[in-house]
Amino acid sequence: MKIWTKTKKFSEGKFLVVRRDGTIPHWPHFVLGARDPAATAGLLAYAEKARELGFDPEYCDSVVELATKDFPEYLEKEGPGDPEAQPHRIDRLSVIDAMRGMPTVIAVTPDKGNIKK
């Protein structure tokens, strides 16, 4: 399966990304999670490129810490996820509306944890 945003059926993507002020970025984006075994490599490559571009060293160091400490610890504790999995949750239409750029009000629910694979 392609990444969701590159499919016709799920073109709005897999995740709703919302800024702290409640606005949704209009540009393409890609969410990395700690249960994705490929995420650490992506974060390390990002930090390396950010250093080349002259980003703040403290910012780059914090990305490396996330990649080499936080993500691996979480992955070890919770086990790997399945980034290629088909949809397995019930969509909330108000969230899908927001992902499609329509004004809406949504309620959020903290995840209850991970099911061991």
C-alpha atoms as a PDB file:
ATOM      1  CA  MET A   1       0.000   0.000   0.000  1.00  0.00           C
ATOM      2  CA  LYS A   2       1.204   3.532  -0.744  1.00  0.00           C
ATOM      3  CA  ILE A   3       1.353   6.116   2.008  1.00  0.00           C
ATOM      4  CA  TRP A   4      -2.240   7.134   2.610  1.00  0.00           C
ATOM      5  CA  THR A   5      -1.973  10.655   1.227  1.00  0.00           C
ATOM      6  CA  LYS A   6      -0.891   9.178  -2.126  1.00  0.00           C
ATOM      7  CA  THR A   7      -4.056   7.092  -2.482  1.00  0.00           C
ATOM      8  CA  LYS A   8      -7.383   8.195  -3.881  1.00  0.00           C
ATOM      9  CA  LYS A   9      -9.399   6.720  -1.009  1.00  0.00           C
ATOM     10  CA  PHE A  10      -7.341   8.306   1.817  1.00  0.00           C
ATOM     11  CA  SER A  11      -5.912  11.376   0.067  1.00  0.00           C
ATOM     12  CA  GLU A  12      -6.394  13.508   3.191  1.00  0.00           C
ATOM     13  CA  GLY A  13      -3.730  11.364   4.900  1.00  0.00           C
ATOM     14  CA  LYS A  14      -3.430   9.177   7.970  1.00  0.00           C
ATOM     15  CA  PHE A  15      -2.944  11.825  10.656  1.00  0.00           C
ATOM     16  CA  LEU A  16      -4.460  15.210  11.365  1.00  0.00           C
ATOM     17  CA  VAL A  17      -1.636  17.617  12.224  1.00  0.00           C
ATOM     18  CA  VAL A  18      -2.823  20.606  14.238  1.00  0.00           C
ATOM     19  CA  ARG A  19      -0.758  23.508  15.522  1.00  0.00           C
ATOM     20  CA  ARG A  20      -1.106  24.659  19.110  1.00  0.00           C
ATOM     21  CA  ASP A  21      -3.271  27.557  17.933  1.00  0.00           C
ATOM     22  CA  GLY A  22      -5.752  25.140  16.352  1.00  0.00           C
ATOM     23  CA  THR A  23      -4.755  25.765  12.719  1.00  0.00           C
ATOM     24  CA  ILE A  24      -3.903  22.983  10.296  1.00  0.00           C
ATOM     25  CA  PRO A  25      -0.827  23.342   8.066  1.00  0.00           C
ATOM     26  CA  HIS A  26      -1.703  23.438   4.367  1.00  0.00           C
ATOM     27  CA  TRP A  27       1.600  21.965   3.124  1.00  0.00           C
ATOM     28  CA  PRO A  28       2.376  18.255   2.692  1.00  0.00           C
ATOM     29  CA  HIS A  29       3.733  16.587   5.828  1.00  0.00           C
ATOM     30  CA  PHE A  30       4.720  13.167   7.121  1.00  0.00           C
ATOM     31  CA  VAL A  31       4.302  11.998  10.731  1.00  0.00           C
ATOM     32  CA  LEU A  32       6.914   9.712  12.301  1.00  0.00           C
ATOM     33  CA  GLY A  33       6.059   7.680  15.386  1.00  0.00           C
ATOM     34  CA  ALA A  34       8.323   5.863  17.817  1.00  0.00           C
ATOM     35  CA  ARG A  35       6.802   2.450  16.999  1.00  0.00           C
ATOM     36  CA  ASP A  36       7.912   2.795  13.376  1.00  0.00           C
ATOM     37  CA  PRO A  37      11.215   0.904  13.096  1.00  0.00           C
ATOM     38  CA  ALA A  38      12.342   3.263  10.290  1.00  0.00           C
ATOM     39  CA  ALA A  39      11.643   6.484  12.218  1.00  0.00           C
ATOM     40  CA  THR A  40      15.002   6.730  13.995  1.00  0.00           C
ATOM     41  CA  ALA A  41      16.881   6.687  10.701  1.00  0.00           C
ATOM     42  CA  GLY A  42      14.612   9.405   9.333  1.00  0.00           C
ATOM     43  CA  LEU A  43      15.146  11.628  12.363  1.00  0.00           C
ATOM     44  CA  LEU A  44      18.921  11.170  12.260  1.00  0.00           C
ATOM     45  CA  ALA A  45      19.024  12.058   8.561  1.00  0.00           C
ATOM     46  CA  TYR A  46      16.899  15.123   9.305  1.00  0.00           C
ATOM     47  CA  ALA A  47      19.240  16.245  12.117  1.00  0.00           C
ATOM     48  CA  GLU A  48      22.279  15.807   9.878  1.00  0.00           C
ATOM     49  CA  LYS A  49      20.732  17.882   7.090  1.00  0.00           C
ATOM     50  CA  ALA A  50      19.559  20.497   9.597  1.00  0.00           C
ATOM     51  CA  ARG A  51      23.155  20.892  10.829  1.00  0.00           C
ATOM     52  CA  GLU A  52      24.365  21.300   7.236  1.00  0.00           C
ATOM     53  CA  LEU A  53      21.771  24.050   6.755  1.00  0.00           C
ATOM     54  CA  GLY A  54      22.942  25.870   9.881  1.00  0.00           C
ATOM     55  CA  PHE A  55      19.990  25.145  12.171  1.00  0.00           C
ATOM     56  CA  ASP A  56      20.478  25.886  15.875  1.00  0.00           C
ATOM     57  CA  PRO A  57      22.780  23.176  17.299  1.00  0.00           C
ATOM     58  CA  GLU A  58      20.549  22.753  20.360  1.00  0.00           C
ATOM     59  CA  TYR A  59      17.583  22.056  18.076  1.00  0.00           C
ATOM     60  CA  CYS A  60      19.615  19.491  16.121  1.00  0.00           C
ATOM     61  CA  ASP A  61      20.867  17.860  19.327  1.00  0.00           C
ATOM     62  CA  SER A  62      17.307  17.509  20.602  1.00  0.00           C
ATOM     63  CA  VAL A  63      16.252  15.761  17.380  1.00  0.00           C
ATOM     64  CA  VAL A  64      19.204  13.375  17.772  1.00  0.00           C
ATOM     65  CA  GLU A  65      18.212  12.734  21.403  1.00  0.00           C
ATOM     66  CA  LEU A  66      14.668  11.947  20.298  1.00  0.00           C
ATOM     67  CA  ALA A  67      16.055   9.545  17.675  1.00  0.00           C
ATOM     68  CA  THR A  68      18.678   7.828  19.818  1.00  0.00           C
ATOM     69  CA  LYS A  69      17.039   7.815  23.252  1.00  0.00           C
ATOM     70  CA  ASP A  70      13.289   8.467  23.335  1.00  0.00           C
ATOM     71  CA  PHE A  71      12.211   6.597  20.197  1.00  0.00           C
ATOM     72  CA  PRO A  72      14.345   3.466  20.831  1.00  0.00           C
ATOM     73  CA  GLU A  73      13.258   3.286  24.496  1.00  0.00           C
ATOM     74  CA  TYR A  74       9.606   3.504  23.509  1.00  0.00           C
ATOM     75  CA  LEU A  75      10.032   0.983  20.681  1.00  0.00           C
ATOM     76  CA  GLU A  76      11.764  -1.443  23.053  1.00  0.00           C
ATOM     77  CA  LYS A  77       9.011  -1.078  25.671  1.00  0.00           C
ATOM     78  CA  GLU A  78       5.971  -1.088  23.379  1.00  0.00           C
ATOM     79  CA  GLY A  79       7.160  -3.092  20.389  1.00  0.00           C
ATOM     80  CA  PRO A  80       7.001  -2.157  16.730  1.00  0.00           C
ATOM     81  CA  GLY A  81       3.894  -0.895  15.035  1.00  0.00           C
ATOM     82  CA  ASP A  82       2.921  -1.527  11.446  1.00  0.00           C
ATOM     83  CA  PRO A  83       3.308   1.654   9.382  1.00  0.00           C
ATOM     84  CA  GLU A  84       2.047  -0.184   6.285  1.00  0.00           C
ATOM     85  CA  ALA A  85      -1.155  -1.434   7.946  1.00  0.00           C
ATOM     86  CA  GLN A  86      -4.506  -0.893   6.305  1.00  0.00           C
ATOM     87  CA  PRO A  87      -6.976   1.368   8.128  1.00  0.00           C
ATOM     88  CA  HIS A  88      -8.224  -0.324  11.292  1.00  0.00           C
ATOM     89  CA  ARG A  89      -9.990   2.431  13.228  1.00  0.00           C
ATOM     90  CA  ILE A  90     -13.381   4.000  12.649  1.00  0.00           C
ATOM     91  CA  ASP A  91     -13.033   7.459  11.101  1.00  0.00           C
ATOM     92  CA  ARG A  92     -14.656  10.432  12.803  1.00  0.00           C
ATOM     93  CA  LEU A  93     -16.313  12.436  10.075  1.00  0.00           C
ATOM     94  CA  SER A  94     -15.552  15.752  11.800  1.00  0.00           C
ATOM     95  CA  VAL A  95     -11.826  14.902  11.777  1.00  0.00           C
ATOM     96  CA  ILE A  96     -11.961  13.927   8.107  1.00  0.00           C
ATOM     97  CA  ASP A  97     -13.742  17.228   7.387  1.00  0.00           C
ATOM     98  CA  ALA A  98     -10.914  19.102   9.119  1.00  0.00           C
ATOM     99  CA  MET A  99      -8.328  17.123   7.134  1.00  0.00           C
ATOM    100  CA  ARG A 100     -10.131  18.141   3.954  1.00  0.00           C
ATOM    101  CA  GLY A 101      -9.942  21.822   4.889  1.00  0.00           C
ATOM    102  CA  MET A 102     -13.498  22.321   6.035  1.00  0.00           C
ATOM    103  CA  PRO A 103     -14.143  24.279   9.246  1.00  0.00           C
ATOM    104  CA  THR A 104     -15.391  21.958  11.958  1.00  0.00           C
ATOM    105  CA  VAL A 105     -15.251  21.305  15.676  1.00  0.00           C
ATOM    106  CA  ILE A 106     -13.621  18.081  16.824  1.00  0.00           C
ATOM    107  CA  ALA A 107     -13.186  16.264  20.101  1.00  0.00           C
ATOM    108  CA  VAL A 108      -9.942  14.452  20.787  1.00  0.00           C
ATOM    109  CA  THR A 109      -9.430  11.323  22.844  1.00  0.00           C
ATOM    110  CA  PRO A 110      -6.041  10.304  24.260  1.00  0.00           C
ATOM    111  CA  ASP A 111      -4.892   6.932  22.949  1.00  0.00           C
ATOM    112  CA  LYS A 112      -5.316   4.195  25.536  1.00  0.00           C
ATOM    113  CA  GLY A 113      -1.979   2.551  24.791  1.00  0.00           C
ATOM    114  CA  ASN A 114      -0.649  -0.072  22.499  1.00  0.00           C
ATOM    115  CA  ILE A 115      -1.738  -3.610  21.867  1.00  0.00           C
ATOM    116  CA  LYS A 116       1.300  -5.887  21.922  1.00  0.00           C
ATOM    117  CA  LYS A 117       1.953  -7.518  18.564  1.00  0.00           C
END
